[in-house]
Amino acid sequence: MVGLIDTADGARAEWTFPAEPGTARHARHAVRDTLHTWGLPPTLRDLAVLLVSELVTNSLRYTSGPIGVRLVARSAALLVEISDPVPDPPTERLAGPEDEGGRGLRLVACSALRWGTRRGKTGKTVWFELPLPG
């Protein structure tokens, strides 16, 4: 599903991407364009895009199923959710200075107001919230 949904309590956008090369790039563009359309500041857009890219890349490493991305603009925070069919929660690991990976969850934890994971009927969702201006 690809689309933008305006609701009385804010705006939502949802996409489902295949687990294939290029998905992180497509997710980044979709999120950046949507947050720009919503009039959110560039610093918030850039941070959201970075964190989405990290979490989608994590999903790509471990799943062959579809990856969902959902944005919900509420009055005080932007909720971002990344879903995939793997039920196991991601594990934060300590990346060494020479490691090319292993920093995604640490970036989320350090940058978000709140974040977490939840199991669904067919997988898991990793979510985070970023503060909205005003």
C-alpha atoms as a PDB file:
ATOM      1  CA  MET A   1       0.000   0.000   0.000  1.00  0.00           C
ATOM      2  CA  VAL A   2       1.339   3.389  -0.904  1.00  0.00           C
ATOM      3  CA  GLY A   3      -0.441   6.494   0.119  1.00  0.00           C
ATOM      4  CA  LEU A   4      -1.020   9.586   2.124  1.00  0.00           C
ATOM      5  CA  ILE A   5      -4.003   9.800   4.454  1.00  0.00           C
ATOM      6  CA  ASP A   6      -5.160  13.027   6.092  1.00  0.00           C
ATOM      7  CA  THR A   7      -7.185  12.516   9.250  1.00  0.00           C
ATOM      8  CA  ALA A   8      -8.810  14.780  11.812  1.00  0.00           C
ATOM      9  CA  ASP A   9      -6.064  14.091  14.337  1.00  0.00           C
ATOM     10  CA  GLY A  10      -3.131  14.605  11.951  1.00  0.00           C
ATOM     11  CA  ALA A  11      -1.713  13.052   8.837  1.00  0.00           C
ATOM     12  CA  ARG A  12      -0.582   9.519   8.084  1.00  0.00           C
ATOM     13  CA  ALA A  13       1.406   7.934   5.306  1.00  0.00           C
ATOM     14  CA  GLU A  14       2.033   4.229   4.765  1.00  0.00           C
ATOM     15  CA  TRP A  15       4.084   2.227   2.310  1.00  0.00           C
ATOM     16  CA  THR A  16       4.976  -1.409   1.809  1.00  0.00           C
ATOM     17  CA  PHE A  17       8.278  -2.105   0.114  1.00  0.00           C
ATOM     18  CA  PRO A  18       9.684  -5.406  -1.176  1.00  0.00           C
ATOM     19  CA  ALA A  19      12.777  -6.727   0.579  1.00  0.00           C
ATOM     20  CA  GLU A  20      15.180  -6.093  -2.290  1.00  0.00           C
ATOM     21  CA  PRO A  21      18.126  -3.856  -3.124  1.00  0.00           C
ATOM     22  CA  GLY A  22      17.066  -0.238  -3.449  1.00  0.00           C
ATOM     23  CA  THR A  23      14.337  -0.446  -0.818  1.00  0.00           C
ATOM     24  CA  ALA A  24      16.166   1.749   1.707  1.00  0.00           C
ATOM     25  CA  ARG A  25      16.634   4.415  -0.993  1.00  0.00           C
ATOM     26  CA  HIS A  26      12.951   4.275  -1.959  1.00  0.00           C
ATOM     27  CA  ALA A  27      11.913   4.507   1.700  1.00  0.00           C
ATOM     28  CA  ARG A  28      14.201   7.518   2.262  1.00  0.00           C
ATOM     29  CA  HIS A  29      12.722   9.353  -0.715  1.00  0.00           C
ATOM     30  CA  ALA A  30       9.136   8.565   0.295  1.00  0.00           C
ATOM     31  CA  VAL A  31       9.689   9.767   3.867  1.00  0.00           C
ATOM     32  CA  ARG A  32      11.624  12.896   2.841  1.00  0.00           C
ATOM     33  CA  ASP A  33       9.019  13.898   0.238  1.00  0.00           C
ATOM     34  CA  THR A  34       6.106  13.308   2.613  1.00  0.00           C
ATOM     35  CA  LEU A  35       7.632  15.248   5.503  1.00  0.00           C
ATOM     36  CA  HIS A  36       8.453  18.081   3.101  1.00  0.00           C
ATOM     37  CA  THR A  37       4.828  18.095   1.904  1.00  0.00           C
ATOM     38  CA  TRP A  38       3.704  18.257   5.542  1.00  0.00           C
ATOM     39  CA  GLY A  39       5.883  21.351   6.011  1.00  0.00           C
ATOM     40  CA  LEU A  40       8.169  19.870   8.639  1.00  0.00           C
ATOM     41  CA  PRO A  41      11.572  21.519   9.127  1.00  0.00           C
ATOM     42  CA  PRO A  42      14.633  20.199   7.269  1.00  0.00           C
ATOM     43  CA  THR A  43      16.434  19.102  10.451  1.00  0.00           C
ATOM     44  CA  LEU A  44      13.490  16.920  11.492  1.00  0.00           C
ATOM     45  CA  ARG A  45      13.147  15.534   7.957  1.00  0.00           C
ATOM     46  CA  ASP A  46      16.843  14.673   7.806  1.00  0.00           C
ATOM     47  CA  LEU A  47      16.800  12.919  11.179  1.00  0.00           C
ATOM     48  CA  ALA A  48      13.656  10.939  10.333  1.00  0.00           C
ATOM     49  CA  VAL A  49      15.142   9.909   6.976  1.00  0.00           C
ATOM     50  CA  LEU A  50      18.400   8.785   8.619  1.00  0.00           C
ATOM     51  CA  LEU A  51      16.610   6.676  11.229  1.00  0.00           C
ATOM     52  CA  VAL A  52      14.201   5.168   8.687  1.00  0.00           C
ATOM     53  CA  SER A  53      17.168   4.271   6.483  1.00  0.00           C
ATOM     54  CA  GLU A  54      18.914   2.531   9.393  1.00  0.00           C
ATOM     55  CA  LEU A  55      15.843   0.526  10.412  1.00  0.00           C
ATOM     56  CA  VAL A  56      14.854  -0.445   6.869  1.00  0.00           C
ATOM     57  CA  THR A  57      18.437  -1.567   6.255  1.00  0.00           C
ATOM     58  CA  ASN A  58      18.250  -3.699   9.425  1.00  0.00           C
ATOM     59  CA  SER A  59      15.047  -5.293   8.150  1.00  0.00           C
ATOM     60  CA  LEU A  60      16.639  -5.965   4.768  1.00  0.00           C
ATOM     61  CA  ARG A  61      19.467  -7.884   6.442  1.00  0.00           C
ATOM     62  CA  TYR A  62      17.131 -10.346   8.130  1.00  0.00           C
ATOM     63  CA  THR A  63      13.951 -10.708   6.096  1.00  0.00           C
ATOM     64  CA  SER A  64      12.838 -11.714   2.645  1.00  0.00           C
ATOM     65  CA  GLY A  65       9.305 -10.470   3.188  1.00  0.00           C
ATOM     66  CA  PRO A  66       7.758  -7.033   2.754  1.00  0.00           C
ATOM     67  CA  ILE A  67       8.859  -4.053   4.834  1.00  0.00           C
ATOM     68  CA  GLY A  68       6.258  -1.560   6.012  1.00  0.00           C
ATOM     69  CA  VAL A  69       6.941   2.093   6.752  1.00  0.00           C
ATOM     70  CA  ARG A  70       4.328   4.229   8.483  1.00  0.00           C
ATOM     71  CA  LEU A  71       4.393   7.908   9.509  1.00  0.00           C
ATOM     72  CA  VAL A  72       1.854   9.527  11.807  1.00  0.00           C
ATOM     73  CA  ALA A  73       2.068  13.253  12.548  1.00  0.00           C
ATOM     74  CA  ARG A  74       0.423  13.912  15.890  1.00  0.00           C
ATOM     75  CA  SER A  75       0.152  17.213  17.726  1.00  0.00           C
ATOM     76  CA  ALA A  76       3.459  16.884  19.605  1.00  0.00           C
ATOM     77  CA  ALA A  77       5.393  14.084  17.913  1.00  0.00           C
ATOM     78  CA  LEU A  78       6.041  12.304  14.663  1.00  0.00           C
ATOM     79  CA  LEU A  79       5.549   8.548  15.070  1.00  0.00           C
ATOM     80  CA  VAL A  80       7.556   6.393  12.668  1.00  0.00           C
ATOM     81  CA  GLU A  81       7.081   2.632  12.409  1.00  0.00           C
ATOM     82  CA  ILE A  82       9.082   0.060  10.457  1.00  0.00           C
ATOM     83  CA  SER A  83       7.523  -3.423  10.222  1.00  0.00           C
ATOM     84  CA  ASP A  84       8.756  -6.724   8.845  1.00  0.00           C
ATOM     85  CA  PRO A  85       7.691 -10.381   9.073  1.00  0.00           C
ATOM     86  CA  VAL A  86      10.524 -11.484  11.403  1.00  0.00           C
ATOM     87  CA  PRO A  87       9.077 -11.811  14.938  1.00  0.00           C
ATOM     88  CA  ASP A  88      12.409 -11.508  16.774  1.00  0.00           C
ATOM     89  CA  PRO A  89      13.119  -8.030  18.150  1.00  0.00           C
ATOM     90  CA  PRO A  90      16.292  -6.345  16.969  1.00  0.00           C
ATOM     91  CA  THR A  91      19.250  -6.476  19.306  1.00  0.00           C
ATOM     92  CA  GLU A  92      21.428  -3.501  19.996  1.00  0.00           C
ATOM     93  CA  ARG A  93      25.100  -4.276  19.708  1.00  0.00           C
ATOM     94  CA  LEU A  94      28.260  -2.395  20.488  1.00  0.00           C
ATOM     95  CA  ALA A  95      29.977  -1.431  17.249  1.00  0.00           C
ATOM     96  CA  GLY A  96      33.727  -1.000  17.223  1.00  0.00           C
ATOM     97  CA  PRO A  97      35.444   1.951  15.535  1.00  0.00           C
ATOM     98  CA  GLU A  98      36.201  -0.117  12.416  1.00  0.00           C
ATOM     99  CA  ASP A  99      32.777  -1.801  12.143  1.00  0.00           C
ATOM    100  CA  GLU A 100      30.686  -0.777   9.156  1.00  0.00           C
ATOM    101  CA  GLY A 101      27.389  -1.645  10.828  1.00  0.00           C
ATOM    102  CA  GLY A 102      25.796  -2.054  14.208  1.00  0.00           C
ATOM    103  CA  ARG A 103      24.922   1.560  14.990  1.00  0.00           C
ATOM    104  CA  GLY A 104      21.324   1.808  13.798  1.00  0.00           C
ATOM    105  CA  LEU A 105      19.533   1.063  17.049  1.00  0.00           C
ATOM    106  CA  ARG A 106      22.004   3.201  18.996  1.00  0.00           C
ATOM    107  CA  LEU A 107      21.215   6.118  16.658  1.00  0.00           C
ATOM    108  CA  VAL A 108      17.501   5.580  17.219  1.00  0.00           C
ATOM    109  CA  ALA A 109      17.919   5.360  20.995  1.00  0.00           C
ATOM    110  CA  CYS A 110      20.030   8.532  21.149  1.00  0.00           C
ATOM    111  CA  SER A 111      17.898  10.591  18.747  1.00  0.00           C
ATOM    112  CA  ALA A 112      14.279   9.716  19.520  1.00  0.00           C
ATOM    113  CA  LEU A 113      12.020  10.921  22.314  1.00  0.00           C
ATOM    114  CA  ARG A 114      10.918   7.324  22.767  1.00  0.00           C
ATOM    115  CA  TRP A 115      11.369   4.122  20.840  1.00  0.00           C
ATOM    116  CA  GLY A 116      10.555   0.466  21.148  1.00  0.00           C
ATOM    117  CA  THR A 117       9.419  -2.724  19.475  1.00  0.00           C
ATOM    118  CA  ARG A 118       6.215  -4.693  19.476  1.00  0.00           C
ATOM    119  CA  ARG A 119       5.222  -8.057  18.095  1.00  0.00           C
ATOM    120  CA  GLY A 120       2.414  -8.332  15.624  1.00  0.00           C
ATOM    121  CA  LYS A 121       0.452 -11.249  14.240  1.00  0.00           C
ATOM    122  CA  THR A 122       3.005 -11.799  11.498  1.00  0.00           C
ATOM    123  CA  GLY A 123       6.212 -10.121  12.627  1.00  0.00           C
ATOM    124  CA  LYS A 124       7.391  -7.085  14.522  1.00  0.00           C
ATOM    125  CA  THR A 125       7.356  -3.306  14.405  1.00  0.00           C
ATOM    126  CA  VAL A 126      10.183  -1.050  15.515  1.00  0.00           C
ATOM    127  CA  TRP A 127       8.899   2.436  16.260  1.00  0.00           C
ATOM    128  CA  PHE A 128      10.236   5.801  17.375  1.00  0.00           C
ATOM    129  CA  GLU A 129       8.917   9.277  18.046  1.00  0.00           C
ATOM    130  CA  LEU A 130      10.537  12.596  17.152  1.00  0.00           C
ATOM    131  CA  PRO A 131       9.330  15.904  18.640  1.00  0.00           C
ATOM    132  CA  LEU A 132       7.393  18.201  16.344  1.00  0.00           C
ATOM    133  CA  PRO A 133       8.060  21.941  16.481  1.00  0.00           C
ATOM    134  CA  GLY A 134       5.651  24.110  18.438  1.00  0.00           C
END
